[in-house]
């Protein structure tokens, strides 16, 4: 088991060296240091939490969903948040590729393959 853990640590070290990881770290720091961007993220998280905790009554839920959409729009209008989302997407693609490679080596069908079965 320790051999597997050591290999996982090696993979993590390789991931840390990627441009995508470095860009994610930089953009995350930029968002944290920007009052407007961090306030938008906090507002969005609060709306999501409210949505998760709300009873599933139609009108309240629709209103909350509209509030979430309004905050999401603000998020997409903020340059620092757009850069952060872009970096996050690019990093997630690397992680998905790594997961797919491991799954393939284990002979496990990948998610995209399974969705085509139905």
PDB file of N, CA and C in Angstrom:
ATOM      1  N   UNK A   1       0.822  -1.205   0.000  1.00  0.00           N
ATOM      2  CA  UNK A   1       0.000   0.000   0.000  1.00  0.00           C
ATOM      3  C   UNK A   1       0.863   1.265   0.000  1.00  0.00           C
ATOM      4  N   UNK A   2       1.972   1.236   0.735  1.00  0.00           N
ATOM      5  CA  UNK A   2       2.812   2.436   0.798  1.00  0.00           C
ATOM      6  C   UNK A   2       3.409   2.765  -0.567  1.00  0.00           C
ATOM      7  N   UNK A   3       3.621   1.754  -1.415  1.00  0.00           N
ATOM      8  CA  UNK A   3       4.130   2.002  -2.760  1.00  0.00           C
ATOM      9  C   UNK A   3       3.110   2.813  -3.569  1.00  0.00           C
ATOM     10  N   UNK A   4       1.825   2.485  -3.410  1.00  0.00           N
ATOM     11  CA  UNK A   4       0.758   3.211  -4.105  1.00  0.00           C
ATOM     12  C   UNK A   4       0.705   4.654  -3.610  1.00  0.00           C
ATOM     13  N   UNK A   5       0.806   4.831  -2.305  1.00  0.00           N
ATOM     14  CA  UNK A   5       0.773   6.180  -1.720  1.00  0.00           C
ATOM     15  C   UNK A   5       1.958   6.997  -2.232  1.00  0.00           C
ATOM     16  N   UNK A   6       3.105   6.372  -2.303  1.00  0.00           N
ATOM     17  CA  UNK A   6       4.293   7.081  -2.818  1.00  0.00           C
ATOM     18  C   UNK A   6       4.098   7.491  -4.271  1.00  0.00           C
ATOM     19  N   UNK A   7       3.512   6.610  -5.077  1.00  0.00           N
ATOM     20  CA  UNK A   7       3.242   6.946  -6.479  1.00  0.00           C
ATOM     21  C   UNK A   7       2.234   8.092  -6.564  1.00  0.00           C
ATOM     22  N   UNK A   8       1.226   8.069  -5.700  1.00  0.00           N
ATOM     23  CA  UNK A   8       0.230   9.147  -5.678  1.00  0.00           C
ATOM     24  C   UNK A   8       0.901  10.483  -5.340  1.00  0.00           C
ATOM     25  N   UNK A   9       1.839  10.438  -4.413  1.00  0.00           N
ATOM     26  CA  UNK A   9       2.573  11.663  -4.057  1.00  0.00           C
ATOM     27  C   UNK A   9       3.417  12.156  -5.220  1.00  0.00           C
ATOM     28  N   UNK A  10       3.987  11.225  -5.983  1.00  0.00           N
ATOM     29  CA  UNK A  10       4.759  11.598  -7.165  1.00  0.00           C
ATOM     30  C   UNK A  10       3.858  12.261  -8.211  1.00  0.00           C
ATOM     31  N   UNK A  11       2.675  11.691  -8.398  1.00  0.00           N
ATOM     32  CA  UNK A  11       1.720  12.278  -9.341  1.00  0.00           C
ATOM     33  C   UNK A  11       1.337  13.684  -8.871  1.00  0.00           C
ATOM     34  N   UNK A  12       1.072  13.820  -7.583  1.00  0.00           N
ATOM     35  CA  UNK A  12       0.715  15.135  -7.029  1.00  0.00           C
ATOM     36  C   UNK A  12       1.837  16.144  -7.265  1.00  0.00           C
ATOM     37  N   UNK A  13       3.075  15.731  -7.056  1.00  0.00           N
ATOM     38  CA  UNK A  13       4.206  16.627  -7.290  1.00  0.00           C
ATOM     39  C   UNK A  13       4.280  17.038  -8.757  1.00  0.00           C
ATOM     40  N   UNK A  14       3.990  16.109  -9.657  1.00  0.00           N
ATOM     41  CA  UNK A  14       3.985  16.426 -11.086  1.00  0.00           C
ATOM     42  C   UNK A  14       2.865  17.407 -11.417  1.00  0.00           C
ATOM     43  N   UNK A  15       1.713  17.217 -10.798  1.00  0.00           N
ATOM     44  CA  UNK A  15       0.579  18.116 -11.030  1.00  0.00           C
ATOM     45  C   UNK A  15       0.908  19.520 -10.531  1.00  0.00           C
ATOM     46  N   UNK A  16       1.561  19.604  -9.385  1.00  0.00           N
ATOM     47  CA  UNK A  16       1.939  20.900  -8.814  1.00  0.00           C
ATOM     48  C   UNK A  16       2.843  21.677  -9.772  1.00  0.00           C
ATOM     49  N   UNK A  17       3.618  20.978 -10.572  1.00  0.00           N
ATOM     50  CA  UNK A  17       4.548  21.621 -11.500  1.00  0.00           C
ATOM     51  C   UNK A  17       3.885  22.111 -12.789  1.00  0.00           C
ATOM     52  N   UNK A  18       2.622  21.764 -13.018  1.00  0.00           N
ATOM     53  CA  UNK A  18       1.961  22.152 -14.263  1.00  0.00           C
ATOM     54  C   UNK A  18       1.616  23.642 -14.266  1.00  0.00           C
ATOM     55  N   UNK A  19       1.578  24.200 -15.455  1.00  0.00           N
ATOM     56  CA  UNK A  19       1.185  25.601 -15.614  1.00  0.00           C
ATOM     57  C   UNK A  19      -0.256  25.806 -15.154  1.00  0.00           C
ATOM     58  N   UNK A  20      -1.098  24.811 -15.392  1.00  0.00           N
ATOM     59  CA  UNK A  20      -2.511  24.921 -15.009  1.00  0.00           C
ATOM     60  C   UNK A  20      -2.671  25.050 -13.501  1.00  0.00           C
ATOM     61  N   UNK A  21      -1.902  24.267 -12.742  1.00  0.00           N
ATOM     62  CA  UNK A  21      -1.974  24.353 -11.286  1.00  0.00           C
ATOM     63  C   UNK A  21      -1.451  25.699 -10.805  1.00  0.00           C
ATOM     64  N   UNK A  22      -0.329  26.126 -11.373  1.00  0.00           N
ATOM     65  CA  UNK A  22       0.246  27.412 -10.977  1.00  0.00           C
ATOM     66  C   UNK A  22      -0.717  28.561 -11.271  1.00  0.00           C
ATOM     67  N   UNK A  23      -1.361  28.509 -12.451  1.00  0.00           N
ATOM     68  CA  UNK A  23      -2.323  29.553 -12.825  1.00  0.00           C
ATOM     69  C   UNK A  23      -3.514  29.541 -11.868  1.00  0.00           C
ATOM     70  N   UNK A  24      -3.965  28.359 -11.482  1.00  0.00           N
ATOM     71  CA  UNK A  24      -5.073  28.258 -10.535  1.00  0.00           C
ATOM     72  C   UNK A  24      -4.693  28.901  -9.202  1.00  0.00           C
ATOM     73  N   UNK A  25      -3.498  28.622  -8.727  1.00  0.00           N
ATOM     74  CA  UNK A  25      -3.041  29.197  -7.463  1.00  0.00           C
ATOM     75  C   UNK A  25      -2.995  30.730  -7.532  1.00  0.00           C
ATOM     76  N   UNK A  26      -2.472  31.245  -8.634  1.00  0.00           N
ATOM     77  CA  UNK A  26      -2.350  32.700  -8.805  1.00  0.00           C
ATOM     78  C   UNK A  26      -3.719  33.357  -8.870  1.00  0.00           C
ATOM     79  N   UNK A  27      -4.616  32.791  -9.680  1.00  0.00           N
ATOM     80  CA  UNK A  27      -5.936  33.415  -9.829  1.00  0.00           C
ATOM     81  C   UNK A  27      -6.750  33.299  -8.541  1.00  0.00           C
ATOM     82  N   UNK A  28      -6.557  32.212  -7.809  1.00  0.00           N
ATOM     83  CA  UNK A  28      -7.251  32.066  -6.518  1.00  0.00           C
ATOM     84  C   UNK A  28      -6.785  33.145  -5.546  1.00  0.00           C
ATOM     85  N   UNK A  29      -5.491  33.384  -5.515  1.00  0.00           N
ATOM     86  CA  UNK A  29      -4.930  34.426  -4.662  1.00  0.00           C
ATOM     87  C   UNK A  29      -5.446  35.805  -5.084  1.00  0.00           C
ATOM     88  N   UNK A  30      -5.514  36.040  -6.400  1.00  0.00           N
ATOM     89  CA  UNK A  30      -6.027  37.309  -6.910  1.00  0.00           C
ATOM     90  C   UNK A  30      -7.462  37.553  -6.450  1.00  0.00           C
ATOM     91  N   UNK A  31      -8.283  36.509  -6.495  1.00  0.00           N
ATOM     92  CA  UNK A  31      -9.680  36.632  -6.069  1.00  0.00           C
ATOM     93  C   UNK A  31      -9.752  36.926  -4.573  1.00  0.00           C
ATOM     94  N   UNK A  32      -8.936  36.213  -3.788  1.00  0.00           N
ATOM     95  CA  UNK A  32      -8.939  36.427  -2.340  1.00  0.00           C
ATOM     96  C   UNK A  32      -8.538  37.856  -1.972  1.00  0.00           C
ATOM     97  N   UNK A  33      -7.646  38.432  -2.760  1.00  0.00           N
ATOM     98  CA  UNK A  33      -7.154  39.780  -2.469  1.00  0.00           C
ATOM     99  C   UNK A  33      -8.059  40.883  -3.015  1.00  0.00           C
ATOM    100  N   UNK A  34      -9.001  40.521  -3.871  1.00  0.00           N
ATOM    101  CA  UNK A  34      -9.905  41.503  -4.466  1.00  0.00           C
ATOM    102  C   UNK A  34     -11.226  41.511  -3.695  1.00  0.00           C
ATOM    103  N   UNK A  35     -11.525  42.633  -3.064  1.00  0.00           N
ATOM    104  CA  UNK A  35     -12.729  42.719  -2.231  1.00  0.00           C
ATOM    105  C   UNK A  35     -14.007  42.441  -3.014  1.00  0.00           C
ATOM    106  N   UNK A  36     -14.105  42.992  -4.200  1.00  0.00           N
ATOM    107  CA  UNK A  36     -15.315  42.814  -5.003  1.00  0.00           C
ATOM    108  C   UNK A  36     -15.490  41.355  -5.397  1.00  0.00           C
ATOM    109  N   UNK A  37     -14.427  40.751  -5.916  1.00  0.00           N
ATOM    110  CA  UNK A  37     -14.494  39.356  -6.357  1.00  0.00           C
ATOM    111  C   UNK A  37     -14.810  38.421  -5.190  1.00  0.00           C
ATOM    112  N   UNK A  38     -14.142  38.621  -4.067  1.00  0.00           N
ATOM    113  CA  UNK A  38     -14.384  37.730  -2.931  1.00  0.00           C
ATOM    114  C   UNK A  38     -15.790  37.944  -2.359  1.00  0.00           C
ATOM    115  N   UNK A  39     -16.304  39.170  -2.410  1.00  0.00           N
ATOM    116  CA  UNK A  39     -17.671  39.435  -1.939  1.00  0.00           C
ATOM    117  C   UNK A  39     -18.693  38.730  -2.837  1.00  0.00           C
ATOM    118  N   UNK A  40     -18.447  38.737  -4.139  1.00  0.00           N
ATOM    119  CA  UNK A  40     -19.356  38.044  -5.069  1.00  0.00           C
ATOM    120  C   UNK A  40     -19.357  36.548  -4.771  1.00  0.00           C
ATOM    121  N   UNK A  41     -18.178  35.969  -4.560  1.00  0.00           N
ATOM    122  CA  UNK A  41     -18.100  34.539  -4.239  1.00  0.00           C
ATOM    123  C   UNK A  41     -18.822  34.216  -2.933  1.00  0.00           C
ATOM    124  N   UNK A  42     -18.619  35.045  -1.926  1.00  0.00           N
ATOM    125  CA  UNK A  42     -19.300  34.835  -0.652  1.00  0.00           C
ATOM    126  C   UNK A  42     -20.816  34.923  -0.817  1.00  0.00           C
ATOM    127  N   UNK A  43     -21.250  35.894  -1.605  1.00  0.00           N
ATOM    128  CA  UNK A  43     -22.685  36.059  -1.848  1.00  0.00           C
ATOM    129  C   UNK A  43     -23.245  34.824  -2.567  1.00  0.00           C
ATOM    130  N   UNK A  44     -22.518  34.321  -3.542  1.00  0.00           N
ATOM    131  CA  UNK A  44     -22.963  33.145  -4.277  1.00  0.00           C
ATOM    132  C   UNK A  44     -23.024  31.922  -3.359  1.00  0.00           C
ATOM    133  N   UNK A  45     -22.014  31.741  -2.539  1.00  0.00           N
ATOM    134  CA  UNK A  45     -22.010  30.614  -1.599  1.00  0.00           C
ATOM    135  C   UNK A  45     -23.192  30.705  -0.635  1.00  0.00           C
ATOM    136  N   UNK A  46     -23.499  31.915  -0.166  1.00  0.00           N
ATOM    137  CA  UNK A  46     -24.636  32.105   0.738  1.00  0.00           C
ATOM    138  C   UNK A  46     -25.951  31.758   0.045  1.00  0.00           C
ATOM    139  N   UNK A  47     -26.074  32.166  -1.217  1.00  0.00           N
ATOM    140  CA  UNK A  47     -27.302  31.860  -1.977  1.00  0.00           C
ATOM    141  C   UNK A  47     -27.432  30.360  -2.197  1.00  0.00           C
ATOM    142  N   UNK A  48     -26.317  29.694  -2.538  1.00  0.00           N
ATOM    143  CA  UNK A  48     -26.353  28.240  -2.721  1.00  0.00           C
ATOM    144  C   UNK A  48     -26.772  27.542  -1.421  1.00  0.00           C
ATOM    145  N   UNK A  49     -26.223  28.004  -0.320  1.00  0.00           N
ATOM    146  CA  UNK A  49     -26.566  27.404   0.977  1.00  0.00           C
ATOM    147  C   UNK A  49     -28.046  27.605   1.292  1.00  0.00           C
ATOM    148  N   UNK A  50     -28.544  28.809   1.026  1.00  0.00           N
ATOM    149  CA  UNK A  50     -29.956  29.104   1.228  1.00  0.00           C
ATOM    150  C   UNK A  50     -30.827  28.193   0.359  1.00  0.00           C
ATOM    151  N   UNK A  51     -30.397  27.998  -0.870  1.00  0.00           N
ATOM    152  CA  UNK A  51     -31.128  27.147  -1.808  1.00  0.00           C
ATOM    153  C   UNK A  51     -31.148  25.704  -1.318  1.00  0.00           C
ATOM    154  N   UNK A  52     -30.014  25.221  -0.821  1.00  0.00           N
ATOM    155  CA  UNK A  52     -29.940  23.844  -0.308  1.00  0.00           C
ATOM    156  C   UNK A  52     -30.836  23.655   0.907  1.00  0.00           C
ATOM    157  N   UNK A  53     -30.950  24.666   1.749  1.00  0.00           N
ATOM    158  CA  UNK A  53     -31.704  24.543   2.985  1.00  0.00           C
ATOM    159  C   UNK A  53     -33.176  24.901   2.849  1.00  0.00           C
ATOM    160  N   UNK A  54     -33.547  25.474   1.708  1.00  0.00           N
ATOM    161  CA  UNK A  54     -34.934  25.915   1.564  1.00  0.00           C
ATOM    162  C   UNK A  54     -35.851  24.729   1.305  1.00  0.00           C
ATOM    163  N   UNK A  55     -37.068  24.830   1.846  1.00  0.00           N
ATOM    164  CA  UNK A  55     -38.043  23.784   1.518  1.00  0.00           C
ATOM    165  C   UNK A  55     -38.351  23.880   0.025  1.00  0.00           C
ATOM    166  N   UNK A  56     -38.752  22.812  -0.542  1.00  0.00           N
ATOM    167  CA  UNK A  56     -38.976  22.795  -1.988  1.00  0.00           C
ATOM    168  C   UNK A  56     -40.335  23.377  -2.344  1.00  0.00           C
ATOM    169  N   UNK A  57     -40.604  24.590  -1.855  1.00  0.00           N
ATOM    170  CA  UNK A  57     -41.836  25.255  -2.244  1.00  0.00           C
ATOM    171  C   UNK A  57     -41.545  26.079  -3.490  1.00  0.00           C
ATOM    172  N   UNK A  58     -42.348  25.918  -4.504  1.00  0.00           N
ATOM    173  CA  UNK A  58     -42.115  26.474  -5.826  1.00  0.00           C
ATOM    174  C   UNK A  58     -41.693  27.920  -5.875  1.00  0.00           C
ATOM    175  N   UNK A  59     -42.480  28.824  -5.278  1.00  0.00           N
ATOM    176  CA  UNK A  59     -42.210  30.252  -5.409  1.00  0.00           C
ATOM    177  C   UNK A  59     -40.894  30.644  -4.749  1.00  0.00           C
ATOM    178  N   UNK A  60     -40.675  30.175  -3.523  1.00  0.00           N
ATOM    179  CA  UNK A  60     -39.448  30.508  -2.798  1.00  0.00           C
ATOM    180  C   UNK A  60     -38.243  29.981  -3.572  1.00  0.00           C
ATOM    181  N   UNK A  61     -38.354  28.759  -4.048  1.00  0.00           N
ATOM    182  CA  UNK A  61     -37.264  28.140  -4.779  1.00  0.00           C
ATOM    183  C   UNK A  61     -36.956  28.901  -6.076  1.00  0.00           C
ATOM    184  N   UNK A  62     -37.982  29.309  -6.796  1.00  0.00           N
ATOM    185  CA  UNK A  62     -37.784  30.081  -8.030  1.00  0.00           C
ATOM    186  C   UNK A  62     -37.116  31.415  -7.737  1.00  0.00           C
ATOM    187  N   UNK A  63     -37.547  32.066  -6.666  1.00  0.00           N
ATOM    188  CA  UNK A  63     -36.943  33.349  -6.301  1.00  0.00           C
ATOM    189  C   UNK A  63     -35.470  33.178  -5.960  1.00  0.00           C
ATOM    190  N   UNK A  64     -35.163  32.135  -5.195  1.00  0.00           N
ATOM    191  CA  UNK A  64     -33.771  31.872  -4.845  1.00  0.00           C
ATOM    192  C   UNK A  64     -32.943  31.537  -6.087  1.00  0.00           C
ATOM    193  N   UNK A  65     -33.513  30.772  -6.977  1.00  0.00           N
ATOM    194  CA  UNK A  65     -32.806  30.428  -8.208  1.00  0.00           C
ATOM    195  C   UNK A  65     -32.525  31.688  -9.038  1.00  0.00           C
ATOM    196  N   UNK A  66     -33.475  32.596  -9.057  1.00  0.00           N
ATOM    197  CA  UNK A  66     -33.263  33.859  -9.777  1.00  0.00           C
ATOM    198  C   UNK A  66     -32.159  34.678  -9.115  1.00  0.00           C
ATOM    199  N   UNK A  67     -32.131  34.667  -7.774  1.00  0.00           N
ATOM    200  CA  UNK A  67     -31.071  35.378  -7.053  1.00  0.00           C
ATOM    201  C   UNK A  67     -29.711  34.762  -7.373  1.00  0.00           C
ATOM    202  N   UNK A  68     -29.656  33.429  -7.399  1.00  0.00           N
ATOM    203  CA  UNK A  68     -28.406  32.736  -7.733  1.00  0.00           C
ATOM    204  C   UNK A  68     -27.965  33.119  -9.145  1.00  0.00           C
ATOM    205  N   UNK A  69     -28.896  33.139 -10.084  1.00  0.00           N
ATOM    206  CA  UNK A  69     -28.563  33.498 -11.461  1.00  0.00           C
ATOM    207  C   UNK A  69     -28.053  34.936 -11.550  1.00  0.00           C
ATOM    208  N   UNK A  70     -28.644  35.829 -10.772  1.00  0.00           N
ATOM    209  CA  UNK A  70     -28.202  37.225 -10.759  1.00  0.00           C
ATOM    210  C   UNK A  70     -26.758  37.321 -10.255  1.00  0.00           C
ATOM    211  N   UNK A  71     -26.444  36.591  -9.201  1.00  0.00           N
ATOM    212  CA  UNK A  71     -25.081  36.618  -8.656  1.00  0.00           C
ATOM    213  C   UNK A  71     -24.106  35.939  -9.618  1.00  0.00           C
ATOM    214  N   UNK A  72     -24.543  34.861 -10.264  1.00  0.00           N
ATOM    215  CA  UNK A  72     -23.691  34.200 -11.252  1.00  0.00           C
ATOM    216  C   UNK A  72     -23.351  35.145 -12.401  1.00  0.00           C
ATOM    217  N   UNK A  73     -24.318  35.947 -12.796  1.00  0.00           N
ATOM    218  CA  UNK A  73     -24.085  36.922 -13.864  1.00  0.00           C
ATOM    219  C   UNK A  73     -23.042  37.944 -13.414  1.00  0.00           C
ATOM    220  N   UNK A  74     -23.162  38.422 -12.167  1.00  0.00           N
ATOM    221  CA  UNK A  74     -22.168  39.358 -11.622  1.00  0.00           C
ATOM    222  C   UNK A  74     -20.781  38.709 -11.632  1.00  0.00           C
ATOM    223  N   UNK A  75     -20.772  37.436 -11.316  1.00  0.00           N
ATOM    224  CA  UNK A  75     -19.518  36.694 -11.266  1.00  0.00           C
ATOM    225  C   UNK A  75     -18.846  36.673 -12.638  1.00  0.00           C
ATOM    226  N   UNK A  76     -19.636  36.434 -13.669  1.00  0.00           N
ATOM    227  CA  UNK A  76     -19.098  36.352 -15.023  1.00  0.00           C
ATOM    228  C   UNK A  76     -18.704  37.713 -15.589  1.00  0.00           C
ATOM    229  N   UNK A  77     -19.164  38.778 -14.947  1.00  0.00           N
ATOM    230  CA  UNK A  77     -18.803  40.124 -15.370  1.00  0.00           C
ATOM    231  C   UNK A  77     -17.527  40.614 -14.686  1.00  0.00           C
ATOM    232  N   UNK A  78     -17.063  39.880 -13.689  1.00  0.00           N
ATOM    233  CA  UNK A  78     -15.871  40.264 -12.944  1.00  0.00           C
ATOM    234  C   UNK A  78     -14.641  39.598 -13.580  1.00  0.00           C
ATOM    235  N   UNK A  79     -13.672  40.396 -14.005  1.00  0.00           N
ATOM    236  CA  UNK A  79     -12.500  39.872 -14.721  1.00  0.00           C
ATOM    237  C   UNK A  79     -11.693  38.873 -13.895  1.00  0.00           C
ATOM    238  N   UNK A  80     -11.483  39.169 -12.629  1.00  0.00           N
ATOM    239  CA  UNK A  80     -10.686  38.258 -11.788  1.00  0.00           C
ATOM    240  C   UNK A  80     -11.398  36.923 -11.610  1.00  0.00           C
ATOM    241  N   UNK A  81     -12.703  36.971 -11.451  1.00  0.00           N
ATOM    242  CA  UNK A  81     -13.458  35.731 -11.305  1.00  0.00           C
ATOM    243  C   UNK A  81     -13.508  34.952 -12.618  1.00  0.00           C
ATOM    244  N   UNK A  82     -13.587  35.664 -13.737  1.00  0.00           N
ATOM    245  CA  UNK A  82     -13.560  34.971 -15.031  1.00  0.00           C
ATOM    246  C   UNK A  82     -12.234  34.248 -15.225  1.00  0.00           C
ATOM    247  N   UNK A  83     -11.150  34.897 -14.867  1.00  0.00           N
ATOM    248  CA  UNK A  83      -9.828  34.265 -14.985  1.00  0.00           C
ATOM    249  C   UNK A  83      -9.721  33.057 -14.053  1.00  0.00           C
ATOM    250  N   UNK A  84     -10.260  33.212 -12.853  1.00  0.00           N
ATOM    251  CA  UNK A  84     -10.239  32.110 -11.888  1.00  0.00           C
ATOM    252  C   UNK A  84     -11.047  30.920 -12.405  1.00  0.00           C
ATOM    253  N   UNK A  85     -12.224  31.183 -12.938  1.00  0.00           N
ATOM    254  CA  UNK A  85     -13.064  30.104 -13.476  1.00  0.00           C
ATOM    255  C   UNK A  85     -12.389  29.414 -14.653  1.00  0.00           C
ATOM    256  N   UNK A  86     -11.734  30.201 -15.485  1.00  0.00           N
ATOM    257  CA  UNK A  86     -11.008  29.634 -16.628  1.00  0.00           C
ATOM    258  C   UNK A  86      -9.871  28.736 -16.133  1.00  0.00           C
ATOM    259  N   UNK A  87      -9.122  29.215 -15.164  1.00  0.00           N
ATOM    260  CA  UNK A  87      -8.013  28.432 -14.607  1.00  0.00           C
ATOM    261  C   UNK A  87      -8.521  27.161 -13.939  1.00  0.00           C
ATOM    262  N   UNK A  88      -9.644  27.286 -13.248  1.00  0.00           N
ATOM    263  CA  UNK A  88     -10.242  26.131 -12.582  1.00  0.00           C
ATOM    264  C   UNK A  88     -10.666  25.082 -13.617  1.00  0.00           C
ATOM    265  N   UNK A  89     -11.254  25.529 -14.708  1.00  0.00           N
ATOM    266  CA  UNK A  89     -11.687  24.618 -15.764  1.00  0.00           C
ATOM    267  C   UNK A  89     -10.490  23.886 -16.377  1.00  0.00           C
ATOM    268  N   UNK A  90      -9.427  24.628 -16.658  1.00  0.00           N
ATOM    269  CA  UNK A  90      -8.237  24.027 -17.250  1.00  0.00           C
ATOM    270  C   UNK A  90      -7.582  23.027 -16.297  1.00  0.00           C
ATOM    271  N   UNK A  91      -7.546  23.359 -15.010  1.00  0.00           N
ATOM    272  CA  UNK A  91      -6.986  22.441 -14.021  1.00  0.00           C
ATOM    273  C   UNK A  91      -7.858  21.191 -13.901  1.00  0.00           C
ATOM    274  N   UNK A  92      -9.166  21.378 -13.887  1.00  0.00           N
ATOM    275  CA  UNK A  92     -10.082  20.232 -13.799  1.00  0.00           C
ATOM    276  C   UNK A  92      -9.916  19.294 -14.990  1.00  0.00           C
ATOM    277  N   UNK A  93      -9.604  19.856 -16.157  1.00  0.00           N
ATOM    278  CA  UNK A  93      -9.373  19.016 -17.335  1.00  0.00           C
ATOM    279  C   UNK A  93      -8.145  18.129 -17.138  1.00  0.00           C
ATOM    280  N   UNK A  94      -7.099  18.674 -16.532  1.00  0.00           N
ATOM    281  CA  UNK A  94      -5.909  17.875 -16.235  1.00  0.00           C
ATOM    282  C   UNK A  94      -6.254  16.758 -15.254  1.00  0.00           C
ATOM    283  N   UNK A  95      -6.989  17.096 -14.209  1.00  0.00           N
ATOM    284  CA  UNK A  95      -7.357  16.093 -13.212  1.00  0.00           C
ATOM    285  C   UNK A  95      -8.224  14.999 -13.830  1.00  0.00           C
ATOM    286  N   UNK A  96      -9.129  15.386 -14.724  1.00  0.00           N
ATOM    287  CA  UNK A  96      -9.980  14.402 -15.395  1.00  0.00           C
ATOM    288  C   UNK A  96      -9.135  13.491 -16.281  1.00  0.00           C
ATOM    289  N   UNK A  97      -8.158  14.064 -16.953  1.00  0.00           N
ATOM    290  CA  UNK A  97      -7.268  13.269 -17.799  1.00  0.00           C
ATOM    291  C   UNK A  97      -6.487  12.257 -16.957  1.00  0.00           C
ATOM    292  N   UNK A  98      -5.975  12.699 -15.820  1.00  0.00           N
ATOM    293  CA  UNK A  98      -5.249  11.793 -14.918  1.00  0.00           C
ATOM    294  C   UNK A  98      -6.177  10.672 -14.454  1.00  0.00           C
ATOM    295  N   UNK A  99      -7.386  11.030 -14.036  1.00  0.00           N
ATOM    296  CA  UNK A  99      -8.351  10.018 -13.587  1.00  0.00           C
ATOM    297  C   UNK A  99      -8.689   9.037 -14.709  1.00  0.00           C
ATOM    298  N   UNK A 100      -8.856   9.560 -15.911  1.00  0.00           N
ATOM    299  CA  UNK A 100      -9.168   8.697 -17.055  1.00  0.00           C
ATOM    300  C   UNK A 100      -8.029   7.729 -17.344  1.00  0.00           C
ATOM    301  N   UNK A 101      -6.802   8.210 -17.248  1.00  0.00           N
ATOM    302  CA  UNK A 101      -5.633   7.344 -17.487  1.00  0.00           C
ATOM    303  C   UNK A 101      -5.562   6.228 -16.454  1.00  0.00           C
ATOM    304  N   UNK A 102      -5.810   6.555 -15.210  1.00  0.00           N
ATOM    305  CA  UNK A 102      -5.803   5.537 -14.157  1.00  0.00           C
ATOM    306  C   UNK A 102      -6.929   4.535 -14.396  1.00  0.00           C
ATOM    307  N   UNK A 103      -8.118   5.039 -14.685  1.00  0.00           N
ATOM    308  CA  UNK A 103      -9.256   4.158 -14.947  1.00  0.00           C
ATOM    309  C   UNK A 103      -8.982   3.252 -16.142  1.00  0.00           C
ATOM    310  N   UNK A 104      -8.396   3.807 -17.174  1.00  0.00           N
ATOM    311  CA  UNK A 104      -8.083   3.026 -18.370  1.00  0.00           C
ATOM    312  C   UNK A 104      -7.076   1.919 -18.051  1.00  0.00           C
ATOM    313  N   UNK A 105      -6.041   2.265 -17.294  1.00  0.00           N
ATOM    314  CA  UNK A 105      -5.032   1.273 -16.920  1.00  0.00           C
ATOM    315  C   UNK A 105      -5.627   0.155 -16.066  1.00  0.00           C
ATOM    316  N   UNK A 106      -6.680   0.486 -15.314  1.00  0.00           N
ATOM    317  CA  UNK A 106      -7.355  -0.516 -14.469  1.00  0.00           C
ATOM    318  C   UNK A 106      -8.435  -1.269 -15.229  1.00  0.00           C
ATOM    319  N   UNK A 107      -8.701  -0.839 -16.455  1.00  0.00           N
ATOM    320  CA  UNK A 107      -9.742  -1.484 -17.245  1.00  0.00           C
ATOM    321  C   UNK A 107     -11.143  -1.069 -16.849  1.00  0.00           C
ATOM    322  N   UNK A 108     -11.253   0.097 -16.224  1.00  0.00           N
ATOM    323  CA  UNK A 108     -12.560   0.617 -15.796  1.00  0.00           C
ATOM    324  C   UNK A 108     -13.098   1.529 -16.891  1.00  0.00           C
ATOM    325  N   UNK A 109     -14.334   1.291 -17.340  1.00  0.00           N
ATOM    326  CA  UNK A 109     -14.899   2.180 -18.364  1.00  0.00           C
ATOM    327  C   UNK A 109     -14.966   3.614 -17.833  1.00  0.00           C
ATOM    328  N   UNK A 110     -14.634   4.559 -18.707  1.00  0.00           N
ATOM    329  CA  UNK A 110     -14.643   5.963 -18.307  1.00  0.00           C
ATOM    330  C   UNK A 110     -16.047   6.523 -18.409  1.00  0.00           C
ATOM    331  N   UNK A 111     -16.310   7.580 -17.676  1.00  0.00           N
ATOM    332  CA  UNK A 111     -17.648   8.181 -17.606  1.00  0.00           C
ATOM    333  C   UNK A 111     -18.194   8.505 -18.983  1.00  0.00           C
ATOM    334  N   UNK A 112     -17.374   9.066 -19.860  1.00  0.00           N
ATOM    335  CA  UNK A 112     -17.863   9.434 -21.181  1.00  0.00           C
ATOM    336  C   UNK A 112     -18.266   8.199 -21.972  1.00  0.00           C
ATOM    337  N   UNK A 113     -17.576   7.088 -21.757  1.00  0.00           N
ATOM    338  CA  UNK A 113     -17.935   5.849 -22.444  1.00  0.00           C
ATOM    339  C   UNK A 113     -19.254   5.291 -21.932  1.00  0.00           C
ATOM    340  N   UNK A 114     -19.441   5.368 -20.607  1.00  0.00           N
ATOM    341  CA  UNK A 114     -20.674   4.834 -20.022  1.00  0.00           C
ATOM    342  C   UNK A 114     -21.885   5.637 -20.437  1.00  0.00           C
ATOM    343  N   UNK A 115     -21.729   6.957 -20.595  1.00  0.00           N
ATOM    344  CA  UNK A 115     -22.890   7.779 -20.962  1.00  0.00           C
ATOM    345  C   UNK A 115     -23.352   7.476 -22.379  1.00  0.00           C
ATOM    346  N   UNK A 116     -22.470   6.962 -23.216  1.00  0.00           N
ATOM    347  CA  UNK A 116     -22.823   6.618 -24.589  1.00  0.00           C
ATOM    348  C   UNK A 116     -23.545   5.282 -24.684  1.00  0.00           C
ATOM    349  N   UNK A 117     -23.531   4.494 -23.613  1.00  0.00           N
ATOM    350  CA  UNK A 117     -24.152   3.181 -23.618  1.00  0.00           C
ATOM    351  C   UNK A 117     -25.666   3.299 -23.643  1.00  0.00           C
ATOM    352  N   UNK A 118     -26.216   4.249 -22.909  1.00  0.00           N
ATOM    353  CA  UNK A 118     -27.674   4.387 -22.796  1.00  0.00           C
ATOM    354  C   UNK A 118     -28.286   4.754 -24.064  1.00  0.00           C
TER     355      UNK A 118
END
